[in-house]
C-alpha atoms as a PDB file:
ATOM      1  CA  MET A   1     -23.302 -30.984  13.626  1.00  0.00           C
ATOM      2  CA  ARG A   2     -21.146 -34.081  13.035  1.00  0.00           C
ATOM      3  CA  PRO A   3     -17.522 -32.416  14.644  1.00  0.00           C
ATOM      4  CA  PHE A   4     -15.809 -33.440  11.392  1.00  0.00           C
ATOM      5  CA  THR A   5     -17.707 -31.528   9.673  1.00  0.00           C
ATOM      6  CA  LEU A   6     -17.604 -28.579  12.076  1.00  0.00           C
ATOM      7  CA  PHE A   7     -14.034 -29.393  11.050  1.00  0.00           C
ATOM      8  CA  ILE A   8     -14.418 -28.975   6.920  1.00  0.00           C
ATOM      9  CA  LEU A   9     -16.846 -27.071   6.757  1.00  0.00           C
ATOM     10  CA  PRO A  10     -13.700 -23.539   7.982  1.00  0.00           C
ATOM     11  CA  LEU A  11     -11.151 -24.680   6.275  1.00  0.00           C
ATOM     12  CA  ALA A  12     -12.829 -25.154   3.275  1.00  0.00           C
ATOM     13  CA  LEU A  13     -13.855 -21.527   3.543  1.00  0.00           C
ATOM     14  CA  VAL A  14     -10.793 -20.477   4.579  1.00  0.00           C
ATOM     15  CA  ILE A  15      -8.825 -22.191   1.370  1.00  0.00           C
ATOM     16  CA  GLY A  16     -12.441 -20.914  -1.283  1.00  0.00           C
ATOM     17  CA  LEU A  17     -11.184 -17.190  -0.189  1.00  0.00           C
ATOM     18  CA  ALA A  18      -7.288 -17.697  -0.320  1.00  0.00           C
ATOM     19  CA  CYS A  19      -7.974 -19.586  -3.821  1.00  0.00           C
ATOM     20  CA  ALA A  20      -9.792 -16.603  -4.707  1.00  0.00           C
ATOM     21  CA  GLY A  21      -6.750 -14.295  -4.248  1.00  0.00           C
ATOM     22  CA  TYR A  22      -7.962 -12.954  -1.100  1.00  0.00           C
ATOM     23  CA  SER A  23      -5.608 -11.935   1.625  1.00  0.00           C
ATOM     24  CA  PRO A  24      -5.872 -10.104   5.271  1.00  0.00           C
ATOM     25  CA  GLY A  25      -3.423  -8.234   6.035  1.00  0.00           C
ATOM     26  CA  THR A  26      -1.013  -7.514   3.244  1.00  0.00           C
ATOM     27  CA  ALA A  27      -0.782  -5.241   0.458  1.00  0.00           C
ATOM     28  CA  GLY A  28      -2.332  -7.504  -2.169  1.00  0.00           C
ATOM     29  CA  PRO A  29       0.065  -8.136  -5.255  1.00  0.00           C
ATOM     30  CA  PHE A  30       2.652  -5.793  -6.873  1.00  0.00           C
ATOM     31  CA  LYS A  31       1.569  -4.633  -9.896  1.00  0.00           C
ATOM     32  CA  ARG A  32       4.681  -3.463 -10.855  1.00  0.00           C
ATOM     33  CA  ALA A  33       2.700  -1.514 -13.831  1.00  0.00           C
ATOM     34  CA  GLN A  34       0.322  -0.389 -12.852  1.00  0.00           C
ATOM     35  CA  MET A  35       1.767   1.602  -9.314  1.00  0.00           C
ATOM     36  CA  GLU A  36       4.114   2.573 -11.679  1.00  0.00           C
ATOM     37  CA  SER A  37       1.607   4.505 -13.471  1.00  0.00           C
ATOM     38  CA  LEU A  38       0.490   6.231 -11.391  1.00  0.00           C
ATOM     39  CA  VAL A  39       2.941   7.399  -9.407  1.00  0.00           C
ATOM     40  CA  ALA A  40       4.026   9.608 -13.263  1.00  0.00           C
ATOM     41  CA  GLN A  41       0.446  10.657 -12.675  1.00  0.00           C
ATOM     42  CA  VAL A  42       1.355  11.799  -9.432  1.00  0.00           C
ATOM     43  CA  ARG A  43       4.857  13.233 -10.648  1.00  0.00           C
ATOM     44  CA  LEU A  44       2.440  15.182 -13.708  1.00  0.00           C
ATOM     45  CA  GLN A  45       0.510  17.543 -11.344  1.00  0.00           C
ATOM     46  CA  GLU A  46       3.089  20.814 -10.582  1.00  0.00           C
ATOM     47  CA  PHE A  47       3.179  20.667  -6.006  1.00  0.00           C
ATOM     48  CA  ILE A  48       6.383  21.208  -3.668  1.00  0.00           C
ATOM     49  CA  GLY A  49       5.469  19.916  -0.500  1.00  0.00           C
ATOM     50  CA  LYS A  50       2.556  17.509   0.607  1.00  0.00           C
ATOM     51  CA  ARG A  51      -0.219  16.808  -1.020  1.00  0.00           C
ATOM     52  CA  LEU A  52      -3.326  14.103  -0.899  1.00  0.00           C
ATOM     53  CA  PHE A  53      -4.906  12.543  -4.273  1.00  0.00           C
ATOM     54  CA  PHE A  54      -7.192  10.304  -4.797  1.00  0.00           C
ATOM     55  CA  TRP A  55      -7.255   6.639  -7.355  1.00  0.00           C
ATOM     56  CA  LYS A  56     -10.076   3.943  -8.387  1.00  0.00           C
ATOM     57  CA  LYS A  57      -7.934   1.292  -7.800  1.00  0.00           C
ATOM     58  CA  THR A  58     -11.091  -0.696 -10.797  1.00  0.00           C
ATOM     59  CA  SER A  59     -10.110   1.443 -13.613  1.00  0.00           C
ATOM     60  CA  ARG A  60      -7.305   0.354 -16.627  1.00  0.00           C
ATOM     61  CA  PRO A  61      -5.640   1.099 -16.554  1.00  0.00           C
ATOM     62  CA  PRO A  62      -5.174   3.226 -13.199  1.00  0.00           C
ATOM     63  CA  THR A  63      -6.212   6.755 -12.894  1.00  0.00           C
ATOM     64  CA  LEU A  64      -5.722   9.252 -10.416  1.00  0.00           C
ATOM     65  CA  LEU A  65      -8.152  11.380  -9.553  1.00  0.00           C
ATOM     66  CA  THR A  66      -6.844  16.026  -8.358  1.00  0.00           C
ATOM     67  CA  GLY A  67     -10.895  16.631  -6.969  1.00  0.00           C
ATOM     68  CA  SER A  68     -12.114  15.443  -3.505  1.00  0.00           C
ATOM     69  CA  ALA A  69     -12.632  11.754  -2.206  1.00  0.00           C
ATOM     70  CA  GLY A  70     -14.299   8.603  -4.195  1.00  0.00           C
ATOM     71  CA  GLY A  71     -11.123   5.642  -4.303  1.00  0.00           C
ATOM     72  CA  GLN A  72      -8.328   4.995  -2.676  1.00  0.00           C
ATOM     73  CA  GLU A  73      -6.682   7.334  -0.717  1.00  0.00           C
ATOM     74  CA  ILE A  74      -2.713   8.130  -2.522  1.00  0.00           C
ATOM     75  CA  TRP A  75      -0.184  10.359  -0.515  1.00  0.00           C
ATOM     76  CA  ALA A  76       2.201  12.638  -1.960  1.00  0.00           C
ATOM     77  CA  GLU A  77       5.517  14.570  -1.040  1.00  0.00           C
ATOM     78  CA  ARG A  78       7.216  16.751  -3.219  1.00  0.00           C
ATOM     79  CA  THR A  79      10.820  17.877  -1.135  1.00  0.00           C
ATOM     80  CA  ALA A  80      11.963  21.797  -2.676  1.00  0.00           C
ATOM     81  CA  ASP A  81      14.995  19.867  -4.838  1.00  0.00           C
ATOM     82  CA  ARG A  82      11.771  18.216  -6.391  1.00  0.00           C
ATOM     83  CA  LYS A  83      12.613  14.640  -4.884  1.00  0.00           C
ATOM     84  CA  LEU A  84       9.641  12.758  -5.248  1.00  0.00           C
ATOM     85  CA  LYS A  85       7.755  10.009  -2.753  1.00  0.00           C
ATOM     86  CA  VAL A  86       4.153   8.469  -3.430  1.00  0.00           C
ATOM     87  CA  VAL A  87       2.067   6.068  -0.808  1.00  0.00           C
ATOM     88  CA  ILE A  88      -0.764   4.625  -2.303  1.00  0.00           C
ATOM     89  CA  LEU A  89      -3.482   2.936  -0.898  1.00  0.00           C
ATOM     90  CA  THR A  90      -4.432  -0.937  -1.994  1.00  0.00           C
ATOM     91  CA  GLU A  91      -5.792  -2.392   1.467  1.00  0.00           C
ATOM     92  CA  ASP A  92      -8.080  -0.904   3.778  1.00  0.00           C
ATOM     93  CA  ASP A  93     -10.103  -3.210   6.201  1.00  0.00           C
ATOM     94  CA  GLY A  94     -11.104  -0.741   8.900  1.00  0.00           C
ATOM     95  CA  TYR A  95     -10.198  -1.888  12.129  1.00  0.00           C
ATOM     96  CA  ARG A  96      -7.520  -4.139  11.093  1.00  0.00           C
ATOM     97  CA  GLY A  97      -5.362  -2.481   9.270  1.00  0.00           C
ATOM     98  CA  ALA A  98      -4.607   0.024   6.506  1.00  0.00           C
ATOM     99  CA  TYR A  99      -1.445  -1.050   3.583  1.00  0.00           C
ATOM    100  CA  GLY A 100       0.112  -0.342   1.008  1.00  0.00           C
ATOM    101  CA  PHE A 101       2.952   0.081  -2.068  1.00  0.00           C
ATOM    102  CA  ALA A 102       5.290   3.535  -0.704  1.00  0.00           C
ATOM    103  CA  PHE A 103       7.835   4.656  -3.579  1.00  0.00           C
ATOM    104  CA  SER A 104      10.608   6.975  -3.100  1.00  0.00           C
ATOM    105  CA  GLU A 105      13.141   8.322  -5.439  1.00  0.00           C
ATOM    106  CA  THR A 106      15.287   8.432  -2.650  1.00  0.00           C
ATOM    107  CA  PRO A 107      15.758   5.112  -2.305  1.00  0.00           C
ATOM    108  CA  LEU A 108      13.564   3.817   1.620  1.00  0.00           C
ATOM    109  CA  SER A 109      16.841   1.842   3.345  1.00  0.00           C
ATOM    110  CA  PRO A 110      15.975   2.788   7.118  1.00  0.00           C
ATOM    111  CA  SER A 111      17.422   0.130   9.344  1.00  0.00           C
ATOM    112  CA  PRO A 112      15.261  -2.428  11.519  1.00  0.00           C
ATOM    113  CA  ASP A 113      14.585  -2.065  14.908  1.00  0.00           C
ATOM    114  CA  ALA A 114      15.165  -5.109  17.187  1.00  0.00           C
ATOM    115  CA  THR A 115      11.520  -6.405  16.389  1.00  0.00           C
ATOM    116  CA  GLY A 116      12.641  -6.612  12.739  1.00  0.00           C
ATOM    117  CA  ALA A 117       9.527  -3.841  11.803  1.00  0.00           C
ATOM    118  CA  VAL A 118      11.167  -0.070   9.621  1.00  0.00           C
ATOM    119  CA  HIS A 119       9.449   3.078  10.561  1.00  0.00           C
ATOM    120  CA  LEU A 120       9.791   5.046   6.588  1.00  0.00           C
ATOM    121  CA  ASP A 121       9.506   9.104   6.149  1.00  0.00           C
ATOM    122  CA  VAL A 122       6.790   8.864   4.195  1.00  0.00           C
ATOM    123  CA  PRO A 123       3.368  10.518   4.129  1.00  0.00           C
ATOM    124  CA  GLY A 124       0.262   9.587   5.073  1.00  0.00           C
ATOM    125  CA  PRO A 125      -0.367   6.862   7.358  1.00  0.00           C
ATOM    126  CA  LEU A 126       1.220   4.048   6.379  1.00  0.00           C
ATOM    127  CA  THR A 127       4.428   4.346   7.412  1.00  0.00           C
ATOM    128  CA  ALA A 128       5.650   0.680   8.830  1.00  0.00           C
ATOM    129  CA  SER A 129       7.273  -2.208   6.802  1.00  0.00           C
ATOM    130  CA  SER A 130       9.630  -4.962   7.403  1.00  0.00           C
ATOM    131  CA  VAL A 131      13.024  -5.557   6.664  1.00  0.00           C
ATOM    132  CA  LYS A 132      11.081  -8.876   4.348  1.00  0.00           C
ATOM    133  CA  GLN A 133       8.868  -6.544   2.619  1.00  0.00           C
ATOM    134  CA  GLN A 134      11.552  -3.963   0.835  1.00  0.00           C
ATOM    135  CA  ILE A 135      10.307  -4.630  -3.334  1.00  0.00           C
ATOM    136  CA  ASP A 136      13.592  -2.243  -4.269  1.00  0.00           C
ATOM    137  CA  ALA A 137      15.810  -0.004  -3.656  1.00  0.00           C
ATOM    138  CA  HIS A 138      12.756   2.297  -4.585  1.00  0.00           C
ATOM    139  CA  TRP A 139       9.503   0.175  -3.064  1.00  0.00           C
ATOM    140  CA  ARG A 140       8.030  -1.386  -0.550  1.00  0.00           C
ATOM    141  CA  GLN A 141       5.273  -3.161   0.749  1.00  0.00           C
ATOM    142  CA  VAL A 142       4.139  -0.635   3.880  1.00  0.00           C
ATOM    143  CA  PHE A 143       1.234  -0.599   6.883  1.00  0.00           C
ATOM    144  CA  ASP A 144      -0.155   1.462   9.095  1.00  0.00           C
ATOM    145  CA  ASP A 145       1.035   0.726  12.620  1.00  0.00           C
ATOM    146  CA  ASP A 146      -1.958   1.479  14.616  1.00  0.00           C
ATOM    147  CA  ASN A 147      -2.695  -1.897  15.365  1.00  0.00           C
END
């Protein structure tokens, strides 16, 4: 193959994946209505402490599953004073990481460390974020910090 072809083929693949919406290393687009629908469904569940739920990413509207595994994870925590924290897994790239969105009724406003990373007090393994990943006072994009 000619050097030009060796350059163009991978470039075309990357552009094609990007145009198709493939974005490794992120939680994907923040779809507020979908995420808030899941939080509202978790809020209707009676529990105190931590609880694991699942949701079907392909269902419209998104549906909370209260049984055993069968979809993407949702980690939830409700304090004794009924404040809710919810972490919704949206992308699991296996060994490359997992990503999602965290919601908290009390604002998520931790102080960043020297690198700009923040670690949140939320349920589940997706507890890392960065200054740039804050969506608003109650929502942040999150990821696991194992990689």
